[in-house]
């Protein structure tokens, strides 16, 4: 939201499947980023 306040350009996010294999929250996280205003996602298919 803060980045969107600072630009009129599209905002995207890049994230992973989760922090650990027990924290695979990428689906919910992606939905939350979309709700916040992200228009594009890149996802690395590994955990941190």
ModelCIF file with pLDDT and N, C-alpha, C, O atoms, coordinates in Angstrom:
data_MODEL
#
_entry.id   MODEL 
#
_entity.id                         1 
_entity.type                       polymer 
_entity.pdbx_number_of_molecules   1 
#
_entity_poly.entity_id                      1 
_entity_poly.type                           'polypeptide(L)' 
_entity_poly.nstd_linkage                   no 
_entity_poly.nstd_monomer                   no 
_entity_poly.pdbx_seq_one_letter_code       
;(UNK)(UNK)(UNK)(UNK)(UNK)(UNK)(UNK)(UNK)(UNK)(UNK)(UNK)(UNK)(UNK)(UNK)(UNK)(UNK)
(UNK)(UNK)(UNK)(UNK)(UNK)(UNK)(UNK)(UNK)(UNK)(UNK)(UNK)(UNK)(UNK)(UNK)(UNK)(UNK)
(UNK)(UNK)(UNK)(UNK)(UNK)(UNK)(UNK)(UNK)(UNK)(UNK)(UNK)(UNK)(UNK)(UNK)(UNK)(UNK)
;
_entity_poly.pdbx_seq_one_letter_code_can   XXXXXXXXXXXXXXXXXXXXXXXXXXXXXXXXXXXXXXXXXXXXXXXX 
_entity_poly.pdbx_strand_id                 A 
#
loop_
_entity_poly_seq.entity_id 
_entity_poly_seq.num 
_entity_poly_seq.mon_id 
_entity_poly_seq.hetero 
1 1  UNK n 
1 2  UNK n 
1 3  UNK n 
1 4  UNK n 
1 5  UNK n 
1 6  UNK n 
1 7  UNK n 
1 8  UNK n 
1 9  UNK n 
1 10 UNK n 
1 11 UNK n 
1 12 UNK n 
1 13 UNK n 
1 14 UNK n 
1 15 UNK n 
1 16 UNK n 
1 17 UNK n 
1 18 UNK n 
1 19 UNK n 
1 20 UNK n 
1 21 UNK n 
1 22 UNK n 
1 23 UNK n 
1 24 UNK n 
1 25 UNK n 
1 26 UNK n 
1 27 UNK n 
1 28 UNK n 
1 29 UNK n 
1 30 UNK n 
1 31 UNK n 
1 32 UNK n 
1 33 UNK n 
1 34 UNK n 
1 35 UNK n 
1 36 UNK n 
1 37 UNK n 
1 38 UNK n 
1 39 UNK n 
1 40 UNK n 
1 41 UNK n 
1 42 UNK n 
1 43 UNK n 
1 44 UNK n 
1 45 UNK n 
1 46 UNK n 
1 47 UNK n 
1 48 UNK n 
#
_struct_asym.id          A 
_struct_asym.entity_id   1 
#
loop_
_ma_qa_metric.id 
_ma_qa_metric.mode 
_ma_qa_metric.name 
_ma_qa_metric.software_group_id 
_ma_qa_metric.type 
1 global pLDDT . pLDDT 
2 local  pLDDT . pLDDT 
#
_ma_qa_metric_global.metric_id      1 
_ma_qa_metric_global.metric_value   97.40 
_ma_qa_metric_global.model_id       1 
_ma_qa_metric_global.ordinal_id     1 
#
loop_
_ma_qa_metric_local.label_asym_id 
_ma_qa_metric_local.label_comp_id 
_ma_qa_metric_local.label_seq_id 
_ma_qa_metric_local.metric_id 
_ma_qa_metric_local.metric_value 
_ma_qa_metric_local.model_id 
_ma_qa_metric_local.ordinal_id 
A UNK 1  2 98.00 1 1  
A UNK 2  2 98.00 1 2  
A UNK 3  2 98.00 1 3  
A UNK 4  2 98.00 1 4  
A UNK 5  2 97.00 1 5  
A UNK 6  2 96.00 1 6  
A UNK 7  2 97.00 1 7  
A UNK 8  2 96.00 1 8  
A UNK 9  2 96.00 1 9  
A UNK 10 2 97.00 1 10 
A UNK 11 2 97.00 1 11 
A UNK 12 2 98.00 1 12 
A UNK 13 2 98.00 1 13 
A UNK 14 2 98.00 1 14 
A UNK 15 2 98.00 1 15 
A UNK 16 2 98.00 1 16 
A UNK 17 2 98.00 1 17 
A UNK 18 2 97.00 1 18 
A UNK 19 2 97.00 1 19 
A UNK 20 2 96.00 1 20 
A UNK 21 2 95.00 1 21 
A UNK 22 2 97.00 1 22 
A UNK 23 2 96.00 1 23 
A UNK 24 2 97.00 1 24 
A UNK 25 2 98.00 1 25 
A UNK 26 2 98.00 1 26 
A UNK 27 2 98.00 1 27 
A UNK 28 2 98.00 1 28 
A UNK 29 2 98.00 1 29 
A UNK 30 2 98.00 1 30 
A UNK 31 2 98.00 1 31 
A UNK 32 2 98.00 1 32 
A UNK 33 2 98.00 1 33 
A UNK 34 2 98.00 1 34 
A UNK 35 2 98.00 1 35 
A UNK 36 2 98.00 1 36 
A UNK 37 2 97.00 1 37 
A UNK 38 2 97.00 1 38 
A UNK 39 2 96.00 1 39 
A UNK 40 2 97.00 1 40 
A UNK 41 2 98.00 1 41 
A UNK 42 2 98.00 1 42 
A UNK 43 2 98.00 1 43 
A UNK 44 2 98.00 1 44 
A UNK 45 2 98.00 1 45 
A UNK 46 2 97.00 1 46 
A UNK 47 2 97.00 1 47 
A UNK 48 2 97.00 1 48 
#
loop_
_atom_site.group_PDB 
_atom_site.id 
_atom_site.type_symbol 
_atom_site.label_atom_id 
_atom_site.label_alt_id 
_atom_site.label_comp_id 
_atom_site.label_asym_id 
_atom_site.label_entity_id 
_atom_site.label_seq_id 
_atom_site.pdbx_PDB_ins_code 
_atom_site.Cartn_x 
_atom_site.Cartn_y 
_atom_site.Cartn_z 
_atom_site.occupancy 
_atom_site.B_iso_or_equiv 
_atom_site.pdbx_formal_charge 
_atom_site.auth_seq_id 
_atom_site.auth_comp_id 
_atom_site.auth_asym_id 
_atom_site.auth_atom_id 
_atom_site.pdbx_PDB_model_num 
ATOM 1   N N  . UNK A 1 1  ? 0.829  -1.210  0.000   1.00 98.00 ? 1  UNK A N  1 
ATOM 2   C CA . UNK A 1 1  ? 0.000  0.000   0.000   1.00 98.00 ? 1  UNK A CA 1 
ATOM 3   C C  . UNK A 1 1  ? 0.864  1.260   0.000   1.00 98.00 ? 1  UNK A C  1 
ATOM 4   O O  . UNK A 1 1  ? 0.549  2.240   -0.675  1.00 98.00 ? 1  UNK A O  1 
ATOM 5   N N  . UNK A 1 2  ? 1.960  1.222   0.767   1.00 98.00 ? 2  UNK A N  1 
ATOM 6   C CA . UNK A 1 2  ? 2.846  2.389   0.847   1.00 98.00 ? 2  UNK A CA 1 
ATOM 7   C C  . UNK A 1 2  ? 3.517  2.652   -0.495  1.00 98.00 ? 2  UNK A C  1 
ATOM 8   O O  . UNK A 1 2  ? 3.621  3.801   -0.925  1.00 98.00 ? 2  UNK A O  1 
ATOM 9   N N  . UNK A 1 3  ? 3.969  1.596   -1.156  1.00 98.00 ? 3  UNK A N  1 
ATOM 10  C CA . UNK A 1 3  ? 4.612  1.751   -2.464  1.00 98.00 ? 3  UNK A CA 1 
ATOM 11  C C  . UNK A 1 3  ? 3.608  2.279   -3.481  1.00 98.00 ? 3  UNK A C  1 
ATOM 12  O O  . UNK A 1 3  ? 3.948  3.118   -4.315  1.00 98.00 ? 3  UNK A O  1 
ATOM 13  N N  . UNK A 1 4  ? 2.385  1.794   -3.413  1.00 98.00 ? 4  UNK A N  1 
ATOM 14  C CA . UNK A 1 4  ? 1.347  2.282   -4.325  1.00 98.00 ? 4  UNK A CA 1 
ATOM 15  C C  . UNK A 1 4  ? 1.053  3.761   -4.089  1.00 98.00 ? 4  UNK A C  1 
ATOM 16  O O  . UNK A 1 4  ? 0.726  4.491   -5.025  1.00 98.00 ? 4  UNK A O  1 
ATOM 17  N N  . UNK A 1 5  ? 1.172  4.195   -2.847  1.00 97.00 ? 5  UNK A N  1 
ATOM 18  C CA . UNK A 1 5  ? 0.985  5.618   -2.542  1.00 97.00 ? 5  UNK A CA 1 
ATOM 19  C C  . UNK A 1 5  ? 2.094  6.478   -3.155  1.00 97.00 ? 5  UNK A C  1 
ATOM 20  O O  . UNK A 1 5  ? 1.909  7.670   -3.398  1.00 97.00 ? 5  UNK A O  1 
ATOM 21  N N  . UNK A 1 6  ? 3.256  5.847   -3.402  1.00 96.00 ? 6  UNK A N  1 
ATOM 22  C CA . UNK A 1 6  ? 4.399  6.603   -3.895  1.00 96.00 ? 6  UNK A CA 1 
ATOM 23  C C  . UNK A 1 6  ? 4.593  6.566   -5.398  1.00 96.00 ? 6  UNK A C  1 
ATOM 24  O O  . UNK A 1 6  ? 5.496  7.222   -5.918  1.00 96.00 ? 6  UNK A O  1 
ATOM 25  N N  . UNK A 1 7  ? 3.761  5.809   -6.110  1.00 97.00 ? 7  UNK A N  1 
ATOM 26  C CA . UNK A 1 7  ? 3.949  5.692   -7.556  1.00 97.00 ? 7  UNK A CA 1 
ATOM 27  C C  . UNK A 1 7  ? 2.624  5.528   -8.279  1.00 97.00 ? 7  UNK A C  1 
ATOM 28  O O  . UNK A 1 7  ? 1.638  5.050   -7.719  1.00 97.00 ? 7  UNK A O  1 
ATOM 29  N N  . UNK A 1 8  ? 2.632  5.941   -9.546  1.00 96.00 ? 8  UNK A N  1 
ATOM 30  C CA . UNK A 1 8  ? 1.462  5.669   -10.381 1.00 96.00 ? 8  UNK A CA 1 
ATOM 31  C C  . UNK A 1 8  ? 1.726  4.484   -11.310 1.00 96.00 ? 8  UNK A C  1 
ATOM 32  O O  . UNK A 1 8  ? 0.924  4.184   -12.194 1.00 96.00 ? 8  UNK A O  1 
ATOM 33  N N  . UNK A 1 9  ? 2.868  3.811   -11.096 1.00 96.00 ? 9  UNK A N  1 
ATOM 34  C CA . UNK A 1 9  ? 3.223  2.634   -11.892 1.00 96.00 ? 9  UNK A CA 1 
ATOM 35  C C  . UNK A 1 9  ? 2.670  1.369   -11.225 1.00 96.00 ? 9  UNK A C  1 
ATOM 36  O O  . UNK A 1 9  ? 2.405  1.375   -10.023 1.00 96.00 ? 9  UNK A O  1 
ATOM 37  N N  . UNK A 1 10 ? 2.492  0.285   -11.993 1.00 97.00 ? 10 UNK A N  1 
ATOM 38  C CA . UNK A 1 10 ? 2.056  -0.974  -11.375 1.00 97.00 ? 10 UNK A CA 1 
ATOM 39  C C  . UNK A 1 10 ? 3.056  -1.447  -10.329 1.00 97.00 ? 10 UNK A C  1 
ATOM 40  O O  . UNK A 1 10 ? 4.263  -1.240  -10.463 1.00 97.00 ? 10 UNK A O  1 
ATOM 41  N N  . UNK A 1 11 ? 2.536  -2.082  -9.287  1.00 97.00 ? 11 UNK A N  1 
ATOM 42  C CA . UNK A 1 11 ? 3.369  -2.617  -8.212  1.00 97.00 ? 11 UNK A CA 1 
ATOM 43  C C  . UNK A 1 11 ? 3.273  -4.142  -8.230  1.00 97.00 ? 11 UNK A C  1 
ATOM 44  O O  . UNK A 1 11 ? 2.184  -4.707  -8.327  1.00 97.00 ? 11 UNK A O  1 
ATOM 45  N N  . UNK A 1 12 ? 4.430  -4.794  -8.135  1.00 98.00 ? 12 UNK A N  1 
ATOM 46  C CA . UNK A 1 12 ? 4.456  -6.260  -8.117  1.00 98.00 ? 12 UNK A CA 1 
ATOM 47  C C  . UNK A 1 12 ? 5.219  -6.742  -6.890  1.00 98.00 ? 12 UNK A C  1 
ATOM 48  O O  . UNK A 1 12 ? 5.903  -5.962  -6.227  1.00 98.00 ? 12 UNK A O  1 
ATOM 49  N N  . UNK A 1 13 ? 5.095  -8.032  -6.593  1.00 98.00 ? 13 UNK A N  1 
ATOM 50  C CA . UNK A 1 13 ? 5.836  -8.613  -5.471  1.00 98.00 ? 13 UNK A CA 1 
ATOM 51  C C  . UNK A 1 13 ? 6.489  -9.912  -5.920  1.00 98.00 ? 13 UNK A C  1 
ATOM 52  O O  . UNK A 1 13 ? 5.965  -10.636 -6.767  1.00 98.00 ? 13 UNK A O  1 
ATOM 53  N N  . UNK A 1 14 ? 7.653  -10.187 -5.328  1.00 98.00 ? 14 UNK A N  1 
ATOM 54  C CA . UNK A 1 14 ? 8.326  -11.467 -5.564  1.00 98.00 ? 14 UNK A CA 1 
ATOM 55  C C  . UNK A 1 14 ? 8.526  -12.128 -4.214  1.00 98.00 ? 14 UNK A C  1 
ATOM 56  O O  . UNK A 1 14 ? 9.090  -11.529 -3.299  1.00 98.00 ? 14 UNK A O  1 
ATOM 57  N N  . UNK A 1 15 ? 8.062  -13.364 -4.091  1.00 98.00 ? 15 UNK A N  1 
ATOM 58  C CA . UNK A 1 15 ? 8.198  -14.074 -2.824  1.00 98.00 ? 15 UNK A CA 1 
ATOM 59  C C  . UNK A 1 15 ? 8.410  -15.558 -3.082  1.00 98.00 ? 15 UNK A C  1 
ATOM 60  O O  . UNK A 1 15 ? 8.543  -15.980 -4.231  1.00 98.00 ? 15 UNK A O  1 
ATOM 61  N N  . UNK A 1 16 ? 8.441  -16.348 -2.018  1.00 98.00 ? 16 UNK A N  1 
ATOM 62  C CA . UNK A 1 16 ? 8.709  -17.784 -2.109  1.00 98.00 ? 16 UNK A CA 1 
ATOM 63  C C  . UNK A 1 16 ? 7.504  -18.602 -1.648  1.00 98.00 ? 16 UNK A C  1 
ATOM 64  O O  . UNK A 1 16 ? 6.438  -18.049 -1.378  1.00 98.00 ? 16 UNK A O  1 
ATOM 65  N N  . UNK A 1 17 ? 7.678  -19.903 -1.560  1.00 98.00 ? 17 UNK A N  1 
ATOM 66  C CA . UNK A 1 17 ? 6.580  -20.768 -1.110  1.00 98.00 ? 17 UNK A CA 1 
ATOM 67  C C  . UNK A 1 17 ? 6.280  -20.552 0.372   1.00 98.00 ? 17 UNK A C  1 
ATOM 68  O O  . UNK A 1 17 ? 5.166  -20.804 0.833   1.00 98.00 ? 17 UNK A O  1 
ATOM 69  N N  . UNK A 1 18 ? 7.271  -20.089 1.101   1.00 97.00 ? 18 UNK A N  1 
ATOM 70  C CA . UNK A 1 18 ? 7.119  -19.862 2.538   1.00 97.00 ? 18 UNK A CA 1 
ATOM 71  C C  . UNK A 1 18 ? 8.486  -19.755 3.167   1.00 97.00 ? 18 UNK A C  1 
ATOM 72  O O  . UNK A 1 18 ? 9.503  -19.862 2.482   1.00 97.00 ? 18 UNK A O  1 
ATOM 73  N N  . UNK A 1 19 ? 8.512  -19.543 4.467   1.00 97.00 ? 19 UNK A N  1 
ATOM 74  C CA . UNK A 1 19 ? 9.802  -19.402 5.156   1.00 97.00 ? 19 UNK A CA 1 
ATOM 75  C C  . UNK A 1 19 ? 10.451 -20.773 5.376   1.00 97.00 ? 19 UNK A C  1 
ATOM 76  O O  . UNK A 1 19 ? 11.648 -20.949 5.148   1.00 97.00 ? 19 UNK A O  1 
ATOM 77  N N  . UNK A 1 20 ? 9.657  -21.722 5.815   1.00 96.00 ? 20 UNK A N  1 
ATOM 78  C CA . UNK A 1 20 ? 10.121 -23.107 5.959   1.00 96.00 ? 20 UNK A CA 1 
ATOM 79  C C  . UNK A 1 20 ? 9.072  -24.022 5.337   1.00 96.00 ? 20 UNK A C  1 
ATOM 80  O O  . UNK A 1 20 ? 8.007  -23.568 4.920   1.00 96.00 ? 20 UNK A O  1 
ATOM 81  N N  . UNK A 1 21 ? 9.382  -25.306 5.278   1.00 95.00 ? 21 UNK A N  1 
ATOM 82  C CA . UNK A 1 21 ? 8.435  -26.269 4.713   1.00 95.00 ? 21 UNK A CA 1 
ATOM 83  C C  . UNK A 1 21 ? 7.186  -26.409 5.581   1.00 95.00 ? 21 UNK A C  1 
ATOM 84  O O  . UNK A 1 21 ? 6.146  -26.875 5.117   1.00 95.00 ? 21 UNK A O  1 
ATOM 85  N N  . UNK A 1 22 ? 7.298  -26.002 6.841   1.00 97.00 ? 22 UNK A N  1 
ATOM 86  C CA . UNK A 1 22 ? 6.130  -26.054 7.738   1.00 97.00 ? 22 UNK A CA 1 
ATOM 87  C C  . UNK A 1 22 ? 5.312  -24.762 7.665   1.00 97.00 ? 22 UNK A C  1 
ATOM 88  O O  . UNK A 1 22 ? 4.263  -24.657 8.301   1.00 97.00 ? 22 UNK A O  1 
ATOM 89  N N  . UNK A 1 23 ? 5.783  -23.788 6.896   1.00 96.00 ? 23 UNK A N  1 
ATOM 90  C CA . UNK A 1 23 ? 5.121  -22.483 6.793   1.00 96.00 ? 23 UNK A CA 1 
ATOM 91  C C  . UNK A 1 23 ? 4.824  -22.142 5.321   1.00 96.00 ? 23 UNK A C  1 
ATOM 92  O O  . UNK A 1 23 ? 5.181  -21.066 4.841   1.00 96.00 ? 23 UNK A O  1 
ATOM 93  N N  . UNK A 1 24 ? 4.182  -23.054 4.632   1.00 97.00 ? 24 UNK A N  1 
ATOM 94  C CA . UNK A 1 24 ? 3.886  -22.838 3.211   1.00 97.00 ? 24 UNK A CA 1 
ATOM 95  C C  . UNK A 1 24 ? 2.622  -21.975 3.078   1.00 97.00 ? 24 UNK A C  1 
ATOM 96  O O  . UNK A 1 24 ? 1.533  -22.487 2.822   1.00 97.00 ? 24 UNK A O  1 
ATOM 97  N N  . UNK A 1 25 ? 2.785  -20.675 3.255   1.00 98.00 ? 25 UNK A N  1 
ATOM 98  C CA . UNK A 1 25 ? 1.642  -19.756 3.265   1.00 98.00 ? 25 UNK A CA 1 
ATOM 99  C C  . UNK A 1 25 ? 1.531  -18.951 1.975   1.00 98.00 ? 25 UNK A C  1 
ATOM 100 O O  . UNK A 1 25 ? 0.900  -17.894 1.950   1.00 98.00 ? 25 UNK A O  1 
ATOM 101 N N  . UNK A 1 26 ? 2.152  -19.457 0.894   1.00 98.00 ? 26 UNK A N  1 
ATOM 102 C CA . UNK A 1 26 ? 2.260  -18.660 -0.337  1.00 98.00 ? 26 UNK A CA 1 
ATOM 103 C C  . UNK A 1 26 ? 0.912  -18.339 -0.978  1.00 98.00 ? 26 UNK A C  1 
ATOM 104 O O  . UNK A 1 26 ? 0.763  -17.289 -1.603  1.00 98.00 ? 26 UNK A O  1 
ATOM 105 N N  . UNK A 1 27 ? -0.068 -19.228 -0.831  1.00 98.00 ? 27 UNK A N  1 
ATOM 106 C CA . UNK A 1 27 ? -1.373 -18.954 -1.452  1.00 98.00 ? 27 UNK A CA 1 
ATOM 107 C C  . UNK A 1 27 ? -2.062 -17.800 -0.713  1.00 98.00 ? 27 UNK A C  1 
ATOM 108 O O  . UNK A 1 27 ? -2.485 -16.824 -1.331  1.00 98.00 ? 27 UNK A O  1 
ATOM 109 N N  . UNK A 1 28 ? -2.169 -17.922 0.608   1.00 98.00 ? 28 UNK A N  1 
ATOM 110 C CA . UNK A 1 28 ? -2.794 -16.864 1.397   1.00 98.00 ? 28 UNK A CA 1 
ATOM 111 C C  . UNK A 1 28 ? -2.012 -15.558 1.280   1.00 98.00 ? 28 UNK A C  1 
ATOM 112 O O  . UNK A 1 28 ? -2.592 -14.474 1.219   1.00 98.00 ? 28 UNK A O  1 
ATOM 113 N N  . UNK A 1 29 ? -0.684 -15.681 1.251   1.00 98.00 ? 29 UNK A N  1 
ATOM 114 C CA . UNK A 1 29 ? 0.168  -14.496 1.138   1.00 98.00 ? 29 UNK A CA 1 
ATOM 115 C C  . UNK A 1 29 ? -0.073 -13.799 -0.199  1.00 98.00 ? 29 UNK A C  1 
ATOM 116 O O  . UNK A 1 29 ? -0.196 -12.575 -0.249  1.00 98.00 ? 29 UNK A O  1 
ATOM 117 N N  . UNK A 1 30 ? -0.139 -14.569 -1.273  1.00 98.00 ? 30 UNK A N  1 
ATOM 118 C CA . UNK A 1 30 ? -0.398 -14.001 -2.596  1.00 98.00 ? 30 UNK A CA 1 
ATOM 119 C C  . UNK A 1 30 ? -1.748 -13.307 -2.661  1.00 98.00 ? 30 UNK A C  1 
ATOM 120 O O  . UNK A 1 30 ? -1.880 -12.239 -3.259  1.00 98.00 ? 30 UNK A O  1 
ATOM 121 N N  . UNK A 1 31 ? -2.749 -13.922 -2.042  1.00 98.00 ? 31 UNK A N  1 
ATOM 122 C CA . UNK A 1 31 ? -4.085 -13.307 -2.018  1.00 98.00 ? 31 UNK A CA 1 
ATOM 123 C C  . UNK A 1 31 ? -4.049 -11.979 -1.272  1.00 98.00 ? 31 UNK A C  1 
ATOM 124 O O  . UNK A 1 31 ? -4.683 -11.006 -1.679  1.00 98.00 ? 31 UNK A O  1 
ATOM 125 N N  . UNK A 1 32 ? -3.295 -11.954 -0.170  1.00 98.00 ? 32 UNK A N  1 
ATOM 126 C CA . UNK A 1 32 ? -3.208 -10.725 0.629   1.00 98.00 ? 32 UNK A CA 1 
ATOM 127 C C  . UNK A 1 32 ? -2.485 -9.622  -0.148  1.00 98.00 ? 32 UNK A C  1 
ATOM 128 O O  . UNK A 1 32 ? -2.858 -8.452  -0.068  1.00 98.00 ? 32 UNK A O  1 
ATOM 129 N N  . UNK A 1 33 ? -1.454 -10.002 -0.897  1.00 98.00 ? 33 UNK A N  1 
ATOM 130 C CA . UNK A 1 33 ? -0.737 -9.009  -1.700  1.00 98.00 ? 33 UNK A CA 1 
ATOM 131 C C  . UNK A 1 33 ? -1.648 -8.444  -2.796  1.00 98.00 ? 33 UNK A C  1 
ATOM 132 O O  . UNK A 1 33 ? -1.602 -7.251  -3.096  1.00 98.00 ? 33 UNK A O  1 
ATOM 133 N N  . UNK A 1 34 ? -2.461 -9.298  -3.380  1.00 98.00 ? 34 UNK A N  1 
ATOM 134 C CA . UNK A 1 34 ? -3.422 -8.835  -4.389  1.00 98.00 ? 34 UNK A CA 1 
ATOM 135 C C  . UNK A 1 34 ? -4.429 -7.878  -3.766  1.00 98.00 ? 34 UNK A C  1 
ATOM 136 O O  . UNK A 1 34 ? -4.743 -6.837  -4.343  1.00 98.00 ? 34 UNK A O  1 
ATOM 137 N N  . UNK A 1 35 ? -4.929 -8.230  -2.598  1.00 98.00 ? 35 UNK A N  1 
ATOM 138 C CA . UNK A 1 35 ? -5.898 -7.372  -1.905  1.00 98.00 ? 35 UNK A CA 1 
ATOM 139 C C  . UNK A 1 35 ? -5.289 -6.005  -1.575  1.00 98.00 ? 35 UNK A C  1 
ATOM 140 O O  . UNK A 1 35 ? -5.987 -4.991  -1.569  1.00 98.00 ? 35 UNK A O  1 
ATOM 141 N N  . UNK A 1 36 ? -3.980 -5.989  -1.302  1.00 98.00 ? 36 UNK A N  1 
ATOM 142 C CA . UNK A 1 36 ? -3.308 -4.731  -0.955  1.00 98.00 ? 36 UNK A CA 1 
ATOM 143 C C  . UNK A 1 36 ? -3.063 -3.860  -2.186  1.00 98.00 ? 36 UNK A C  1 
ATOM 144 O O  . UNK A 1 36 ? -2.775 -2.670  -2.062  1.00 98.00 ? 36 UNK A O  1 
ATOM 145 N N  . UNK A 1 37 ? -3.180 -4.462  -3.383  1.00 97.00 ? 37 UNK A N  1 
ATOM 146 C CA . UNK A 1 37 ? -3.030 -3.677  -4.602  1.00 97.00 ? 37 UNK A CA 1 
ATOM 147 C C  . UNK A 1 37 ? -1.967 -4.140  -5.567  1.00 97.00 ? 37 UNK A C  1 
ATOM 148 O O  . UNK A 1 37 ? -1.768 -3.515  -6.608  1.00 97.00 ? 37 UNK A O  1 
ATOM 149 N N  . UNK A 1 38 ? -1.273 -5.231  -5.246  1.00 97.00 ? 38 UNK A N  1 
ATOM 150 C CA . UNK A 1 38 ? -0.276 -5.771  -6.180  1.00 97.00 ? 38 UNK A CA 1 
ATOM 151 C C  . UNK A 1 38 ? -0.975 -6.219  -7.457  1.00 97.00 ? 38 UNK A C  1 
ATOM 152 O O  . UNK A 1 38 ? -2.060 -6.798  -7.414  1.00 97.00 ? 38 UNK A O  1 
ATOM 153 N N  . UNK A 1 39 ? -0.336 -5.942  -8.598  1.00 96.00 ? 39 UNK A N  1 
ATOM 154 C CA . UNK A 1 39 ? -0.929 -6.277  -9.895  1.00 96.00 ? 39 UNK A CA 1 
ATOM 155 C C  . UNK A 1 39 ? -0.205 -7.415  -10.603 1.00 96.00 ? 39 UNK A C  1 
ATOM 156 O O  . UNK A 1 39 ? -0.600 -7.814  -11.698 1.00 96.00 ? 39 UNK A O  1 
ATOM 157 N N  . UNK A 1 40 ? 0.852  -7.939  -9.987  1.00 97.00 ? 40 UNK A N  1 
ATOM 158 C CA . UNK A 1 40 ? 1.684  -8.932  -10.651 1.00 97.00 ? 40 UNK A CA 1 
ATOM 159 C C  . UNK A 1 40 ? 2.503  -9.652  -9.587  1.00 97.00 ? 40 UNK A C  1 
ATOM 160 O O  . UNK A 1 40 ? 2.982  -9.031  -8.638  1.00 97.00 ? 40 UNK A O  1 
ATOM 161 N N  . UNK A 1 41 ? 2.664  -10.973 -9.748  1.00 98.00 ? 41 UNK A N  1 
ATOM 162 C CA . UNK A 1 41 ? 3.411  -11.793 -8.786  1.00 98.00 ? 41 UNK A CA 1 
ATOM 163 C C  . UNK A 1 41 ? 4.484  -12.595 -9.516  1.00 98.00 ? 41 UNK A C  1 
ATOM 164 O O  . UNK A 1 41 ? 4.241  -13.143 -10.591 1.00 98.00 ? 41 UNK A O  1 
ATOM 165 N N  . UNK A 1 42 ? 5.681  -12.656 -8.913  1.00 98.00 ? 42 UNK A N  1 
ATOM 166 C CA . UNK A 1 42 ? 6.688  -13.641 -9.311  1.00 98.00 ? 42 UNK A CA 1 
ATOM 167 C C  . UNK A 1 42 ? 6.971  -14.496 -8.090  1.00 98.00 ? 42 UNK A C  1 
ATOM 168 O O  . UNK A 1 42 ? 7.231  -13.971 -7.008  1.00 98.00 ? 42 UNK A O  1 
ATOM 169 N N  . UNK A 1 43 ? 6.920  -15.817 -8.257  1.00 98.00 ? 43 UNK A N  1 
ATOM 170 C CA . UNK A 1 43 ? 7.140  -16.702 -7.112  1.00 98.00 ? 43 UNK A CA 1 
ATOM 171 C C  . UNK A 1 43 ? 8.264  -17.689 -7.391  1.00 98.00 ? 43 UNK A C  1 
ATOM 172 O O  . UNK A 1 43 ? 8.248  -18.418 -8.383  1.00 98.00 ? 43 UNK A O  1 
ATOM 173 N N  . UNK A 1 44 ? 9.240  -17.692 -6.487  1.00 98.00 ? 44 UNK A N  1 
ATOM 174 C CA . UNK A 1 44 ? 10.331 -18.671 -6.537  1.00 98.00 ? 44 UNK A CA 1 
ATOM 175 C C  . UNK A 1 44 ? 9.841  -19.915 -5.818  1.00 98.00 ? 44 UNK A C  1 
ATOM 176 O O  . UNK A 1 44 ? 9.440  -19.854 -4.656  1.00 98.00 ? 44 UNK A O  1 
ATOM 177 N N  . UNK A 1 45 ? 9.876  -21.046 -6.515  1.00 98.00 ? 45 UNK A N  1 
ATOM 178 C CA . UNK A 1 45 ? 9.240  -22.267 -6.005  1.00 98.00 ? 45 UNK A CA 1 
ATOM 179 C C  . UNK A 1 45 ? 10.135 -23.034 -5.025  1.00 98.00 ? 45 UNK A C  1 
ATOM 180 O O  . UNK A 1 45 ? 10.301 -24.249 -5.136  1.00 98.00 ? 45 UNK A O  1 
ATOM 181 N N  . UNK A 1 46 ? 10.699 -22.309 -4.078  1.00 97.00 ? 46 UNK A N  1 
ATOM 182 C CA . UNK A 1 46 ? 11.430 -22.885 -2.956  1.00 97.00 ? 46 UNK A CA 1 
ATOM 183 C C  . UNK A 1 46 ? 11.045 -22.128 -1.694  1.00 97.00 ? 46 UNK A C  1 
ATOM 184 O O  . UNK A 1 46 ? 10.466 -21.045 -1.770  1.00 97.00 ? 46 UNK A O  1 
ATOM 185 N N  . UNK A 1 47 ? 11.365 -22.696 -0.529  1.00 97.00 ? 47 UNK A N  1 
ATOM 186 C CA . UNK A 1 47 ? 11.197 -21.986 0.733   1.00 97.00 ? 47 UNK A CA 1 
ATOM 187 C C  . UNK A 1 47 ? 12.482 -21.214 1.052   1.00 97.00 ? 47 UNK A C  1 
ATOM 188 O O  . UNK A 1 47 ? 13.518 -21.424 0.420   1.00 97.00 ? 47 UNK A O  1 
ATOM 189 N N  . UNK A 1 48 ? 12.397 -20.330 2.028   1.00 97.00 ? 48 UNK A N  1 
ATOM 190 C CA . UNK A 1 48 ? 13.592 -19.620 2.460   1.00 97.00 ? 48 UNK A CA 1 
ATOM 191 C C  . UNK A 1 48 ? 14.607 -20.615 3.017   1.00 97.00 ? 48 UNK A C  1 
ATOM 192 O O  . UNK A 1 48 ? 15.694 -20.218 3.439   1.00 97.00 ? 48 UNK A O  1 
#
